[in-house]
């Protein structure tokens, strides 16, 4: 006869786990500041003392300063890249927030910024796959069109002339495509003559006896 035996097995789960997220700006512009906010949570059951968090900044981001919660201390190592390194204690269920202030020097394209907790695998964790997170920031130049309208007088009487001036500006970082600006005139006015514009922009009126719409075409866009 063959005697069968049974055995009990136990699965040992590590008591540590650092979960890192790296929410940052999805868009940024050259010569502008941009903040990267790194959050690390200890979802394990034991404290993680002297936990290390690193953020090697990609070329195109210059560090201006670093802030962190609690007893966390951060430094910036400049060789071979601008590497942010923070060390501190993280109790079970606690979260540390690290804010990296940077200045954008990249002119167009994307910046991939990866931050990692416990990069040297000092702690045996439940999930090693949630230690790193990458934030991608688009630095593509984009236009930003603003329109302002004013009148040459705050009051006007029947039969008097009133002149409206519309100022259109591109306050963005990139050239715009062609676009139009429309001005719906109140029915209490009648247009006199032909609307004019500078910088090669053409304007027309729809011919209504009163009111009507003025349309100005920016065929070449605005730089």
N, C-alpha and C. Protein backbone atom coordinates (compact mmCIF):
# COMPACT_ATOMS: atom_id res chain seq x y z
N UNK A 1 0.82 -1.19 0.00
CA UNK A 1 0.00 0.00 0.00
C UNK A 1 0.87 1.26 0.00
N UNK A 2 0.37 2.28 -0.68
CA UNK A 2 1.06 3.57 -0.71
C UNK A 2 0.35 4.52 0.23
N UNK A 3 1.08 5.04 1.17
CA UNK A 3 0.49 5.95 2.15
C UNK A 3 0.66 7.39 1.68
N UNK A 4 -0.44 8.08 1.52
CA UNK A 4 -0.41 9.47 1.08
C UNK A 4 -0.32 10.41 2.28
N UNK A 5 0.38 11.45 2.10
CA UNK A 5 0.49 12.46 3.15
C UNK A 5 0.15 13.83 2.60
N UNK A 6 -0.31 14.67 3.44
CA UNK A 6 -0.63 16.05 3.04
C UNK A 6 0.25 17.00 3.80
N UNK A 7 0.49 18.15 3.20
CA UNK A 7 1.34 19.17 3.83
C UNK A 7 0.68 20.54 3.65
N UNK A 8 0.87 21.39 4.61
CA UNK A 8 0.35 22.75 4.53
C UNK A 8 1.47 23.67 4.04
N UNK A 9 1.09 24.57 3.15
CA UNK A 9 2.06 25.53 2.60
C UNK A 9 1.59 26.94 2.94
N UNK A 10 2.52 27.80 3.26
CA UNK A 10 2.22 29.20 3.55
C UNK A 10 2.95 30.09 2.55
N UNK A 11 2.25 31.07 2.04
CA UNK A 11 2.85 32.04 1.14
C UNK A 11 3.27 33.26 1.96
N UNK A 12 4.56 33.55 1.93
CA UNK A 12 5.09 34.68 2.68
C UNK A 12 5.02 35.93 1.81
N UNK A 13 4.27 36.92 2.26
CA UNK A 13 4.11 38.18 1.53
C UNK A 13 5.03 39.23 2.13
N UNK A 14 5.86 39.89 1.33
CA UNK A 14 6.73 40.94 1.86
C UNK A 14 5.91 42.05 2.51
N UNK A 15 6.44 42.65 3.57
CA UNK A 15 5.66 43.67 4.29
C UNK A 15 5.79 45.08 3.72
N UNK A 16 6.49 45.22 2.59
CA UNK A 16 6.74 46.55 2.04
C UNK A 16 6.11 46.70 0.65
N UNK A 17 5.73 47.93 0.34
CA UNK A 17 5.36 48.24 -1.05
C UNK A 17 5.28 49.75 -1.23
N UNK A 18 6.12 50.26 -2.12
CA UNK A 18 6.12 51.69 -2.45
C UNK A 18 5.44 51.89 -3.79
N UNK A 19 4.34 52.63 -3.76
CA UNK A 19 3.59 52.92 -4.98
C UNK A 19 3.84 54.36 -5.37
N UNK A 20 4.47 54.57 -6.55
CA UNK A 20 4.85 55.92 -6.97
C UNK A 20 4.01 56.37 -8.15
N UNK A 21 3.52 57.60 -8.07
CA UNK A 21 2.86 58.25 -9.20
C UNK A 21 3.57 59.57 -9.46
N UNK A 22 3.55 59.98 -10.71
CA UNK A 22 4.32 61.16 -11.12
C UNK A 22 3.46 62.10 -11.95
N UNK A 23 2.39 62.64 -11.36
CA UNK A 23 1.57 63.57 -12.13
C UNK A 23 2.29 64.89 -12.34
N UNK A 24 2.36 65.33 -13.55
CA UNK A 24 3.03 66.59 -13.88
C UNK A 24 2.30 67.29 -15.00
N UNK A 25 2.83 68.38 -15.50
CA UNK A 25 2.14 69.11 -16.57
C UNK A 25 2.14 68.32 -17.87
N UNK A 26 1.00 68.25 -18.53
CA UNK A 26 0.93 67.56 -19.81
C UNK A 26 1.47 68.41 -20.94
N UNK A 27 1.46 69.74 -20.73
CA UNK A 27 2.02 70.66 -21.72
C UNK A 27 2.86 71.71 -21.01
N UNK A 28 3.86 72.23 -21.70
CA UNK A 28 4.71 73.29 -21.16
C UNK A 28 5.35 74.01 -22.34
N UNK A 29 5.88 75.20 -22.08
CA UNK A 29 6.49 76.00 -23.13
C UNK A 29 7.93 76.34 -22.76
N UNK A 30 8.73 76.55 -23.78
CA UNK A 30 10.11 76.94 -23.56
C UNK A 30 10.17 78.26 -22.78
N UNK A 31 11.14 78.33 -21.85
CA UNK A 31 11.37 79.51 -21.01
C UNK A 31 10.27 79.73 -19.97
N UNK A 32 9.49 78.70 -19.70
CA UNK A 32 8.46 78.78 -18.66
C UNK A 32 8.81 77.81 -17.53
N UNK A 33 8.36 78.11 -16.30
CA UNK A 33 8.53 77.16 -15.20
C UNK A 33 7.53 76.01 -15.31
N UNK A 34 7.89 74.86 -14.78
CA UNK A 34 6.99 73.70 -14.77
C UNK A 34 7.30 72.87 -13.54
N UNK A 35 6.26 72.46 -12.82
CA UNK A 35 6.42 71.67 -11.60
C UNK A 35 6.04 70.22 -11.85
N UNK A 36 6.88 69.32 -11.32
CA UNK A 36 6.58 67.89 -11.35
C UNK A 36 6.28 67.45 -9.92
N UNK A 37 5.12 66.85 -9.70
CA UNK A 37 4.71 66.43 -8.36
C UNK A 37 4.78 64.90 -8.26
N UNK A 38 5.70 64.42 -7.43
CA UNK A 38 5.89 62.99 -7.24
C UNK A 38 5.23 62.58 -5.93
N UNK A 39 4.41 61.54 -5.97
CA UNK A 39 3.76 61.04 -4.77
C UNK A 39 4.10 59.57 -4.58
N UNK A 40 4.54 59.22 -3.36
CA UNK A 40 4.90 57.84 -3.04
C UNK A 40 4.09 57.41 -1.81
N UNK A 41 3.37 56.30 -1.92
CA UNK A 41 2.58 55.76 -0.82
C UNK A 41 3.12 54.40 -0.41
N UNK A 42 3.25 54.19 0.89
CA UNK A 42 3.62 52.87 1.41
C UNK A 42 2.34 52.08 1.63
N UNK A 43 2.05 51.18 0.71
CA UNK A 43 0.83 50.36 0.82
C UNK A 43 1.11 49.04 1.52
N UNK A 44 2.32 48.89 2.09
CA UNK A 44 2.66 47.69 2.83
C UNK A 44 2.24 47.78 4.29
N UNK A 45 2.73 46.84 5.09
CA UNK A 45 2.36 46.78 6.50
C UNK A 45 3.47 47.21 7.45
N UNK A 46 4.68 47.39 6.93
CA UNK A 46 5.81 47.80 7.76
C UNK A 46 6.36 49.14 7.26
N UNK A 47 6.97 49.92 8.16
CA UNK A 47 7.55 51.20 7.73
C UNK A 47 8.73 50.98 6.79
N UNK A 48 8.89 51.90 5.86
CA UNK A 48 10.02 51.88 4.93
C UNK A 48 10.93 53.05 5.30
N UNK A 49 11.93 52.78 6.10
CA UNK A 49 12.84 53.81 6.58
C UNK A 49 14.00 54.00 5.61
N UNK A 50 14.42 55.24 5.47
CA UNK A 50 15.49 55.60 4.53
C UNK A 50 15.16 55.16 3.10
N UNK A 51 13.90 55.33 2.74
CA UNK A 51 13.48 55.02 1.38
C UNK A 51 14.04 56.08 0.43
N UNK A 52 14.54 55.64 -0.71
CA UNK A 52 15.14 56.54 -1.69
C UNK A 52 14.19 56.72 -2.87
N UNK A 53 14.04 57.97 -3.31
CA UNK A 53 13.28 58.30 -4.52
C UNK A 53 14.19 59.11 -5.43
N UNK A 54 14.29 58.72 -6.70
CA UNK A 54 15.14 59.44 -7.64
C UNK A 54 14.31 59.91 -8.83
N UNK A 55 14.73 61.06 -9.37
CA UNK A 55 14.09 61.62 -10.55
C UNK A 55 15.17 62.20 -11.46
N UNK A 56 15.73 61.39 -12.36
CA UNK A 56 16.74 61.90 -13.30
C UNK A 56 16.03 62.78 -14.35
N UNK A 57 16.23 64.08 -14.27
CA UNK A 57 15.51 64.98 -15.16
C UNK A 57 16.04 64.86 -16.58
N UNK A 58 15.14 64.82 -17.56
CA UNK A 58 15.58 64.74 -18.95
C UNK A 58 16.21 66.05 -19.40
N UNK A 59 17.04 65.98 -20.43
CA UNK A 59 17.61 67.19 -21.02
C UNK A 59 16.46 68.06 -21.52
N UNK A 60 16.46 69.31 -21.15
CA UNK A 60 15.35 70.21 -21.48
C UNK A 60 14.64 70.72 -20.25
N UNK A 61 14.98 70.13 -19.07
CA UNK A 61 14.44 70.59 -17.79
C UNK A 61 15.60 70.94 -16.86
N UNK A 62 15.60 72.15 -16.33
CA UNK A 62 16.62 72.59 -15.38
C UNK A 62 15.98 72.70 -14.01
N UNK A 63 16.53 72.03 -13.00
CA UNK A 63 15.93 72.09 -11.66
C UNK A 63 16.12 73.47 -11.01
N UNK A 64 15.05 73.98 -10.42
CA UNK A 64 15.10 75.25 -9.69
C UNK A 64 15.03 75.05 -8.19
N UNK A 65 14.50 73.92 -7.75
CA UNK A 65 14.37 73.64 -6.32
C UNK A 65 13.48 72.42 -6.11
N UNK A 66 13.57 71.86 -4.91
CA UNK A 66 12.80 70.66 -4.56
C UNK A 66 12.20 70.83 -3.18
N UNK A 67 10.94 70.44 -3.02
CA UNK A 67 10.26 70.47 -1.73
C UNK A 67 9.71 69.08 -1.42
N UNK A 68 9.74 68.70 -0.13
CA UNK A 68 9.22 67.39 0.27
C UNK A 68 8.60 67.47 1.66
N UNK A 69 7.70 66.51 1.97
CA UNK A 69 7.02 66.46 3.26
C UNK A 69 7.93 65.88 4.35
N UNK A 70 7.48 66.10 5.59
CA UNK A 70 8.05 65.41 6.74
C UNK A 70 9.55 65.51 6.87
N UNK A 71 10.18 64.34 7.19
CA UNK A 71 11.62 64.33 7.42
C UNK A 71 12.41 64.07 6.14
N UNK A 72 11.75 64.17 5.01
CA UNK A 72 12.42 63.87 3.75
C UNK A 72 13.40 64.97 3.37
N UNK A 73 14.57 64.56 2.90
CA UNK A 73 15.61 65.48 2.46
C UNK A 73 15.92 65.20 0.99
N UNK A 74 16.04 66.29 0.22
CA UNK A 74 16.27 66.15 -1.23
C UNK A 74 17.52 66.92 -1.65
N UNK A 75 18.23 66.37 -2.61
CA UNK A 75 19.40 67.01 -3.19
C UNK A 75 19.33 66.87 -4.70
N UNK A 76 20.09 67.72 -5.39
CA UNK A 76 20.19 67.64 -6.85
C UNK A 76 21.63 67.33 -7.22
N UNK A 77 21.83 66.18 -7.86
CA UNK A 77 23.16 65.78 -8.32
C UNK A 77 23.29 66.17 -9.78
N UNK A 78 24.37 66.87 -10.14
CA UNK A 78 24.47 67.46 -11.47
C UNK A 78 25.29 66.65 -12.46
N UNK A 79 25.73 65.45 -12.08
CA UNK A 79 26.56 64.69 -13.00
C UNK A 79 26.15 63.22 -12.98
N UNK A 80 25.86 62.61 -14.14
CA UNK A 80 25.99 63.17 -15.48
C UNK A 80 24.75 63.94 -15.93
N UNK A 81 23.62 63.80 -15.20
CA UNK A 81 22.41 64.56 -15.51
C UNK A 81 21.95 65.24 -14.23
N UNK A 82 20.97 66.11 -14.36
CA UNK A 82 20.38 66.73 -13.17
C UNK A 82 19.47 65.70 -12.50
N UNK A 83 20.01 65.01 -11.50
CA UNK A 83 19.31 63.92 -10.85
C UNK A 83 18.82 64.36 -9.47
N UNK A 84 17.51 64.35 -9.28
CA UNK A 84 16.92 64.67 -7.99
C UNK A 84 16.89 63.39 -7.15
N UNK A 85 17.42 63.47 -5.92
CA UNK A 85 17.47 62.30 -5.04
C UNK A 85 16.91 62.69 -3.68
N UNK A 86 15.89 61.99 -3.22
CA UNK A 86 15.24 62.27 -1.94
C UNK A 86 15.27 61.02 -1.07
N UNK A 87 15.48 61.22 0.23
CA UNK A 87 15.53 60.12 1.19
C UNK A 87 14.67 60.47 2.40
N UNK A 88 13.88 59.49 2.88
CA UNK A 88 13.06 59.73 4.06
C UNK A 88 12.37 58.47 4.52
N UNK A 89 11.57 58.61 5.58
CA UNK A 89 10.84 57.48 6.16
C UNK A 89 9.38 57.54 5.72
N UNK A 90 8.81 56.36 5.50
CA UNK A 90 7.41 56.27 5.07
C UNK A 90 6.71 55.18 5.86
N UNK A 91 5.81 55.61 6.75
CA UNK A 91 5.05 54.67 7.58
C UNK A 91 4.00 53.95 6.74
N UNK A 92 3.49 52.80 7.21
CA UNK A 92 2.44 52.09 6.47
C UNK A 92 1.22 52.99 6.26
N UNK A 93 0.75 53.06 5.03
CA UNK A 93 -0.41 53.89 4.69
C UNK A 93 -0.10 55.35 4.49
N UNK A 94 1.15 55.77 4.73
CA UNK A 94 1.52 57.18 4.60
C UNK A 94 1.94 57.49 3.16
N UNK A 95 1.85 58.78 2.82
CA UNK A 95 2.24 59.26 1.48
C UNK A 95 3.16 60.45 1.63
N UNK A 96 4.20 60.50 0.83
CA UNK A 96 5.07 61.66 0.77
C UNK A 96 4.87 62.33 -0.59
N UNK A 97 4.84 63.65 -0.57
CA UNK A 97 4.71 64.44 -1.80
C UNK A 97 6.00 65.22 -2.02
N UNK A 98 6.58 65.04 -3.18
CA UNK A 98 7.82 65.71 -3.56
C UNK A 98 7.52 66.58 -4.77
N UNK A 99 7.79 67.87 -4.67
CA UNK A 99 7.54 68.80 -5.77
C UNK A 99 8.89 69.27 -6.32
N UNK A 100 9.11 68.98 -7.59
CA UNK A 100 10.35 69.39 -8.26
C UNK A 100 10.02 70.59 -9.15
N UNK A 101 10.61 71.74 -8.80
CA UNK A 101 10.41 72.95 -9.59
C UNK A 101 11.46 72.99 -10.70
N UNK A 102 11.01 73.14 -11.95
CA UNK A 102 11.95 73.12 -13.07
C UNK A 102 11.70 74.29 -14.01
N UNK A 103 12.66 74.51 -14.89
CA UNK A 103 12.58 75.53 -15.94
C UNK A 103 12.75 74.83 -17.27
N UNK A 104 11.83 75.09 -18.21
CA UNK A 104 11.82 74.39 -19.49
C UNK A 104 12.74 75.11 -20.48
N UNK A 105 13.71 74.37 -21.02
CA UNK A 105 14.59 74.92 -22.05
C UNK A 105 14.34 74.30 -23.41
N UNK A 106 13.62 73.18 -23.45
CA UNK A 106 13.38 72.49 -24.71
C UNK A 106 12.43 73.27 -25.58
N UNK A 107 12.73 73.30 -26.88
CA UNK A 107 11.93 74.05 -27.84
C UNK A 107 11.22 73.07 -28.77
N UNK A 108 10.06 72.58 -28.35
CA UNK A 108 9.28 71.66 -29.16
C UNK A 108 9.57 70.21 -28.82
N UNK A 109 8.63 69.32 -29.15
CA UNK A 109 8.78 67.90 -28.87
C UNK A 109 8.24 67.54 -27.51
N UNK A 110 8.61 66.36 -27.02
CA UNK A 110 8.12 65.87 -25.74
C UNK A 110 9.27 65.63 -24.77
N UNK A 111 8.95 65.72 -23.49
CA UNK A 111 9.89 65.44 -22.41
C UNK A 111 9.35 64.26 -21.61
N UNK A 112 10.12 63.20 -21.50
CA UNK A 112 9.73 62.02 -20.72
C UNK A 112 10.50 62.03 -19.40
N UNK A 113 9.77 62.23 -18.31
CA UNK A 113 10.39 62.36 -16.99
C UNK A 113 9.97 61.16 -16.13
N UNK A 114 10.92 60.24 -15.87
CA UNK A 114 10.62 59.05 -15.07
C UNK A 114 11.19 59.18 -13.67
N UNK A 115 10.36 58.97 -12.67
CA UNK A 115 10.79 58.96 -11.27
C UNK A 115 10.58 57.55 -10.71
N UNK A 116 11.47 57.13 -9.80
CA UNK A 116 11.40 55.77 -9.25
C UNK A 116 11.65 55.80 -7.74
N UNK A 117 10.95 54.93 -7.03
CA UNK A 117 11.20 54.70 -5.60
C UNK A 117 12.00 53.42 -5.43
N UNK A 118 12.88 53.42 -4.45
CA UNK A 118 13.72 52.25 -4.15
C UNK A 118 14.43 51.74 -5.41
N UNK A 119 15.21 52.61 -6.09
CA UNK A 119 15.83 52.20 -7.36
C UNK A 119 16.84 51.07 -7.21
N UNK A 120 17.43 50.90 -6.03
CA UNK A 120 18.43 49.86 -5.82
C UNK A 120 17.84 48.57 -5.23
N UNK A 121 16.51 48.51 -5.15
CA UNK A 121 15.82 47.31 -4.64
C UNK A 121 16.30 46.90 -3.24
N UNK A 122 16.38 47.90 -2.37
CA UNK A 122 16.76 47.62 -0.98
C UNK A 122 15.65 46.87 -0.27
N UNK A 123 14.41 47.19 -0.60
CA UNK A 123 13.25 46.56 0.04
C UNK A 123 12.69 45.46 -0.87
N UNK A 124 12.34 44.34 -0.26
CA UNK A 124 11.66 43.26 -0.96
C UNK A 124 10.17 43.58 -0.92
N UNK A 125 9.61 43.98 -2.07
CA UNK A 125 8.26 44.51 -2.10
C UNK A 125 7.24 43.53 -2.67
N UNK A 126 5.99 43.80 -2.32
CA UNK A 126 4.89 43.00 -2.84
C UNK A 126 4.80 43.14 -4.35
N UNK A 127 4.92 44.37 -4.83
CA UNK A 127 4.80 44.66 -6.26
C UNK A 127 5.95 45.57 -6.66
N UNK A 128 6.89 45.05 -7.40
CA UNK A 128 8.02 45.86 -7.87
C UNK A 128 7.65 46.67 -9.11
N UNK A 129 6.47 46.42 -9.67
CA UNK A 129 6.09 47.08 -10.91
C UNK A 129 5.48 48.45 -10.75
N UNK A 130 5.20 48.87 -9.49
CA UNK A 130 4.59 50.18 -9.31
C UNK A 130 5.55 51.17 -8.66
N UNK A 131 6.86 50.90 -8.77
CA UNK A 131 7.86 51.78 -8.17
C UNK A 131 8.21 52.97 -9.05
N UNK A 132 7.96 52.87 -10.35
CA UNK A 132 8.35 53.92 -11.29
C UNK A 132 7.13 54.44 -12.05
N UNK A 133 7.23 55.70 -12.43
CA UNK A 133 6.16 56.32 -13.22
C UNK A 133 6.77 57.38 -14.12
N UNK A 134 6.30 57.46 -15.36
CA UNK A 134 6.83 58.42 -16.34
C UNK A 134 5.77 59.45 -16.70
N UNK A 135 6.16 60.72 -16.62
CA UNK A 135 5.28 61.80 -17.04
C UNK A 135 5.79 62.36 -18.36
N UNK A 136 4.92 62.38 -19.37
CA UNK A 136 5.28 62.92 -20.68
C UNK A 136 4.69 64.32 -20.82
N UNK A 137 5.55 65.29 -21.11
CA UNK A 137 5.14 66.69 -21.26
C UNK A 137 5.39 67.14 -22.68
N UNK A 138 4.37 67.67 -23.31
CA UNK A 138 4.46 68.15 -24.70
C UNK A 138 4.88 69.61 -24.69
N UNK A 139 6.02 69.91 -25.32
CA UNK A 139 6.51 71.30 -25.37
C UNK A 139 6.32 71.91 -26.76
N UNK A 140 5.44 71.33 -27.57
CA UNK A 140 5.19 71.84 -28.90
C UNK A 140 4.67 73.28 -28.83
N UNK A 141 5.20 74.13 -29.69
CA UNK A 141 4.76 75.53 -29.70
C UNK A 141 3.32 75.63 -30.20
N UNK A 142 2.52 76.44 -29.53
CA UNK A 142 1.12 76.59 -29.89
C UNK A 142 0.73 78.06 -29.89
N UNK A 143 -0.18 78.44 -30.79
CA UNK A 143 -0.67 79.82 -30.80
C UNK A 143 -1.71 80.03 -29.71
N UNK A 144 -1.93 81.28 -29.35
CA UNK A 144 -2.98 81.64 -28.39
C UNK A 144 -3.50 83.01 -28.81
N UNK A 145 -4.65 83.00 -29.47
CA UNK A 145 -5.21 84.23 -30.04
C UNK A 145 -6.09 84.95 -29.03
N UNK A 146 -5.83 86.24 -28.83
CA UNK A 146 -6.68 87.06 -27.95
C UNK A 146 -7.29 88.20 -28.76
N UNK A 147 -8.50 88.59 -28.40
CA UNK A 147 -9.21 89.66 -29.10
C UNK A 147 -9.71 90.67 -28.08
N UNK A 148 -9.45 91.94 -28.34
CA UNK A 148 -9.96 93.03 -27.51
C UNK A 148 -10.67 94.04 -28.40
N UNK A 149 -11.77 94.58 -27.88
CA UNK A 149 -12.55 95.54 -28.64
C UNK A 149 -12.80 96.78 -27.81
N UNK A 150 -12.66 97.95 -28.44
CA UNK A 150 -12.89 99.21 -27.74
C UNK A 150 -13.62 100.18 -28.66
N UNK A 151 -14.17 101.25 -28.08
CA UNK A 151 -14.85 102.31 -28.84
C UNK A 151 -14.18 103.63 -28.53
N UNK A 152 -14.23 104.56 -29.48
CA UNK A 152 -13.55 105.84 -29.28
C UNK A 152 -14.33 106.80 -28.40
N UNK A 153 -15.52 106.39 -27.97
CA UNK A 153 -16.32 107.24 -27.08
C UNK A 153 -17.21 106.36 -26.21
N UNK A 154 -17.36 106.78 -24.94
CA UNK A 154 -18.22 106.04 -24.04
C UNK A 154 -19.68 106.38 -24.22
N UNK A 155 -19.98 107.52 -24.83
CA UNK A 155 -21.37 107.94 -25.10
C UNK A 155 -21.45 108.46 -26.52
N UNK A 156 -22.59 108.29 -27.14
CA UNK A 156 -22.78 108.76 -28.51
C UNK A 156 -24.26 109.06 -28.73
N UNK A 157 -24.56 110.10 -29.54
CA UNK A 157 -25.94 110.48 -29.82
C UNK A 157 -26.36 110.05 -31.22
N UNK A 158 -27.63 110.16 -31.48
CA UNK A 158 -28.18 109.78 -32.79
C UNK A 158 -27.54 110.64 -33.87
N UNK A 159 -27.08 110.00 -34.94
CA UNK A 159 -26.48 110.72 -36.06
C UNK A 159 -24.99 110.97 -35.89
N UNK A 160 -24.41 110.63 -34.74
CA UNK A 160 -22.98 110.83 -34.53
C UNK A 160 -22.19 109.60 -34.98
N UNK A 161 -20.90 109.82 -35.20
CA UNK A 161 -20.03 108.73 -35.67
C UNK A 161 -19.34 108.07 -34.48
N UNK A 162 -19.30 106.75 -34.52
CA UNK A 162 -18.66 105.97 -33.48
C UNK A 162 -17.70 104.99 -34.16
N UNK A 163 -16.48 104.95 -33.67
CA UNK A 163 -15.48 104.05 -34.26
C UNK A 163 -15.11 102.94 -33.29
N UNK A 164 -15.24 101.71 -33.77
CA UNK A 164 -14.82 100.54 -32.99
C UNK A 164 -13.42 100.11 -33.45
N UNK A 165 -12.59 99.74 -32.50
CA UNK A 165 -11.25 99.22 -32.82
C UNK A 165 -11.10 97.84 -32.21
N UNK A 166 -10.72 96.89 -33.04
CA UNK A 166 -10.51 95.51 -32.59
C UNK A 166 -9.03 95.19 -32.69
N UNK A 167 -8.44 94.76 -31.58
CA UNK A 167 -7.03 94.38 -31.56
C UNK A 167 -6.94 92.87 -31.40
N UNK A 168 -6.21 92.23 -32.31
CA UNK A 168 -6.05 90.78 -32.31
C UNK A 168 -4.57 90.47 -32.12
N UNK A 169 -4.25 89.63 -31.14
CA UNK A 169 -2.84 89.31 -30.84
C UNK A 169 -2.67 87.80 -30.70
N UNK A 170 -1.49 87.34 -31.04
CA UNK A 170 -1.09 85.96 -30.78
C UNK A 170 -0.11 85.99 -29.62
N UNK A 171 -0.57 85.62 -28.43
CA UNK A 171 0.27 85.65 -27.23
C UNK A 171 0.82 84.26 -26.90
N UNK A 172 0.69 83.33 -27.85
CA UNK A 172 1.20 81.98 -27.64
C UNK A 172 2.67 81.87 -28.01
N UNK A 173 3.14 80.64 -28.16
CA UNK A 173 4.54 80.39 -28.45
C UNK A 173 4.77 79.94 -29.89
N UNK A 174 3.69 79.74 -30.65
CA UNK A 174 3.84 79.28 -32.02
C UNK A 174 2.97 80.08 -32.97
N UNK A 175 3.30 79.99 -34.26
CA UNK A 175 2.52 80.67 -35.29
C UNK A 175 1.14 80.03 -35.41
N UNK A 176 0.16 80.85 -35.77
CA UNK A 176 -1.19 80.33 -35.96
C UNK A 176 -1.45 80.01 -37.42
N UNK A 177 -2.44 79.18 -37.66
CA UNK A 177 -2.93 78.98 -39.02
C UNK A 177 -3.84 80.14 -39.39
N UNK A 178 -4.33 80.13 -40.62
CA UNK A 178 -5.27 81.16 -41.06
C UNK A 178 -6.55 81.08 -40.21
N UNK A 179 -7.15 82.24 -39.94
CA UNK A 179 -8.39 82.26 -39.17
C UNK A 179 -9.14 83.55 -39.49
N UNK A 180 -10.37 83.65 -38.99
CA UNK A 180 -11.18 84.84 -39.19
C UNK A 180 -11.65 85.39 -37.85
N UNK A 181 -11.88 86.68 -37.83
CA UNK A 181 -12.48 87.35 -36.68
C UNK A 181 -13.77 88.01 -37.15
N UNK A 182 -14.87 87.77 -36.44
CA UNK A 182 -16.15 88.36 -36.82
C UNK A 182 -16.62 89.33 -35.75
N UNK A 183 -17.31 90.37 -36.18
CA UNK A 183 -17.83 91.40 -35.28
C UNK A 183 -19.30 91.63 -35.64
N UNK A 184 -20.18 91.19 -34.74
CA UNK A 184 -21.62 91.35 -34.96
C UNK A 184 -22.03 92.73 -34.44
N UNK A 185 -22.34 93.63 -35.35
CA UNK A 185 -22.69 95.00 -34.97
C UNK A 185 -24.12 95.08 -34.45
N UNK A 186 -24.36 95.98 -33.48
CA UNK A 186 -25.74 96.15 -32.97
C UNK A 186 -26.63 96.77 -34.05
N UNK A 187 -27.91 96.46 -33.99
CA UNK A 187 -28.84 96.93 -35.02
C UNK A 187 -29.09 98.43 -34.94
N UNK A 188 -28.62 99.08 -33.89
CA UNK A 188 -28.82 100.52 -33.74
C UNK A 188 -27.75 101.34 -34.45
N UNK A 189 -26.83 100.68 -35.17
CA UNK A 189 -25.81 101.42 -35.91
C UNK A 189 -25.85 101.00 -37.38
N UNK A 190 -25.39 101.92 -38.24
CA UNK A 190 -25.20 101.64 -39.66
C UNK A 190 -23.74 101.87 -39.99
N UNK A 191 -23.13 100.97 -40.72
CA UNK A 191 -21.71 101.09 -41.00
C UNK A 191 -21.47 102.22 -41.98
N UNK A 192 -20.37 102.94 -41.79
CA UNK A 192 -19.99 104.04 -42.66
C UNK A 192 -18.70 103.65 -43.38
N UNK A 193 -18.72 103.60 -44.71
CA UNK A 193 -17.53 103.26 -45.46
C UNK A 193 -17.20 101.78 -45.36
N UNK A 194 -15.91 101.48 -45.49
CA UNK A 194 -15.43 100.09 -45.50
C UNK A 194 -14.51 99.86 -44.30
N UNK A 195 -14.70 98.77 -43.57
CA UNK A 195 -13.80 98.49 -42.44
C UNK A 195 -12.36 98.27 -42.93
N UNK A 196 -11.41 98.75 -42.19
CA UNK A 196 -10.01 98.64 -42.59
C UNK A 196 -9.23 97.86 -41.53
N UNK A 197 -8.06 97.36 -41.96
CA UNK A 197 -7.22 96.59 -41.06
C UNK A 197 -5.76 96.77 -41.46
N UNK A 198 -4.86 96.46 -40.54
CA UNK A 198 -3.42 96.56 -40.80
C UNK A 198 -2.84 95.18 -41.09
N UNK A 199 -1.56 95.15 -41.45
CA UNK A 199 -0.79 93.91 -41.64
C UNK A 199 -1.39 92.98 -42.68
N UNK A 200 -2.00 93.57 -43.73
CA UNK A 200 -2.48 92.76 -44.83
C UNK A 200 -3.76 92.01 -44.56
N UNK A 201 -4.43 92.28 -43.45
CA UNK A 201 -5.69 91.62 -43.12
C UNK A 201 -6.82 92.31 -43.88
N UNK A 202 -7.71 91.53 -44.48
CA UNK A 202 -8.83 92.08 -45.22
C UNK A 202 -10.12 91.93 -44.43
N UNK A 203 -10.95 92.98 -44.45
CA UNK A 203 -12.22 92.98 -43.72
C UNK A 203 -13.36 93.35 -44.66
N UNK A 204 -14.50 92.71 -44.48
CA UNK A 204 -15.68 92.99 -45.29
C UNK A 204 -16.90 93.08 -44.38
N UNK A 205 -17.93 93.79 -44.88
CA UNK A 205 -19.22 93.88 -44.20
C UNK A 205 -20.26 93.20 -45.05
N UNK A 206 -21.23 92.55 -44.42
CA UNK A 206 -22.20 91.76 -45.19
C UNK A 206 -23.23 92.61 -45.93
N UNK A 207 -23.18 93.95 -45.79
CA UNK A 207 -24.05 94.83 -46.55
C UNK A 207 -25.39 95.13 -45.93
N UNK A 208 -25.63 94.66 -44.71
CA UNK A 208 -26.89 94.93 -44.04
C UNK A 208 -27.05 96.44 -43.82
N UNK A 209 -28.31 96.95 -43.96
CA UNK A 209 -28.57 98.38 -43.81
C UNK A 209 -28.26 98.85 -42.40
N UNK A 210 -28.58 98.04 -41.41
CA UNK A 210 -28.23 98.33 -40.02
C UNK A 210 -27.62 97.07 -39.40
N UNK A 211 -26.75 97.31 -38.47
CA UNK A 211 -26.11 96.16 -37.84
C UNK A 211 -25.25 95.41 -38.83
N UNK A 212 -25.46 94.10 -38.90
CA UNK A 212 -24.69 93.27 -39.82
C UNK A 212 -23.41 92.73 -39.17
N UNK A 213 -22.65 92.02 -39.97
CA UNK A 213 -21.44 91.36 -39.47
C UNK A 213 -20.23 91.79 -40.28
N UNK A 214 -19.17 92.18 -39.56
CA UNK A 214 -17.88 92.45 -40.17
C UNK A 214 -17.02 91.21 -40.01
N UNK A 215 -16.42 90.79 -41.11
CA UNK A 215 -15.55 89.59 -41.09
C UNK A 215 -14.16 89.98 -41.55
N UNK A 216 -13.16 89.69 -40.73
CA UNK A 216 -11.76 89.98 -41.07
C UNK A 216 -11.02 88.66 -41.21
N UNK A 217 -10.28 88.51 -42.30
CA UNK A 217 -9.61 87.27 -42.63
C UNK A 217 -8.09 87.42 -42.44
N UNK A 218 -7.55 86.57 -41.58
CA UNK A 218 -6.10 86.51 -41.36
C UNK A 218 -5.57 85.34 -42.21
N UNK A 219 -5.39 85.60 -43.49
CA UNK A 219 -5.03 84.54 -44.44
C UNK A 219 -3.69 83.89 -44.12
N UNK A 220 -2.77 84.66 -43.55
CA UNK A 220 -1.43 84.12 -43.24
C UNK A 220 -1.28 83.80 -41.76
N UNK A 221 -2.36 83.86 -41.01
CA UNK A 221 -2.27 83.62 -39.59
C UNK A 221 -1.55 84.75 -38.88
N UNK A 222 -1.11 84.49 -37.65
CA UNK A 222 -0.35 85.47 -36.88
C UNK A 222 0.88 84.79 -36.28
N UNK A 223 2.01 85.44 -36.38
CA UNK A 223 3.24 84.91 -35.81
C UNK A 223 3.17 85.04 -34.29
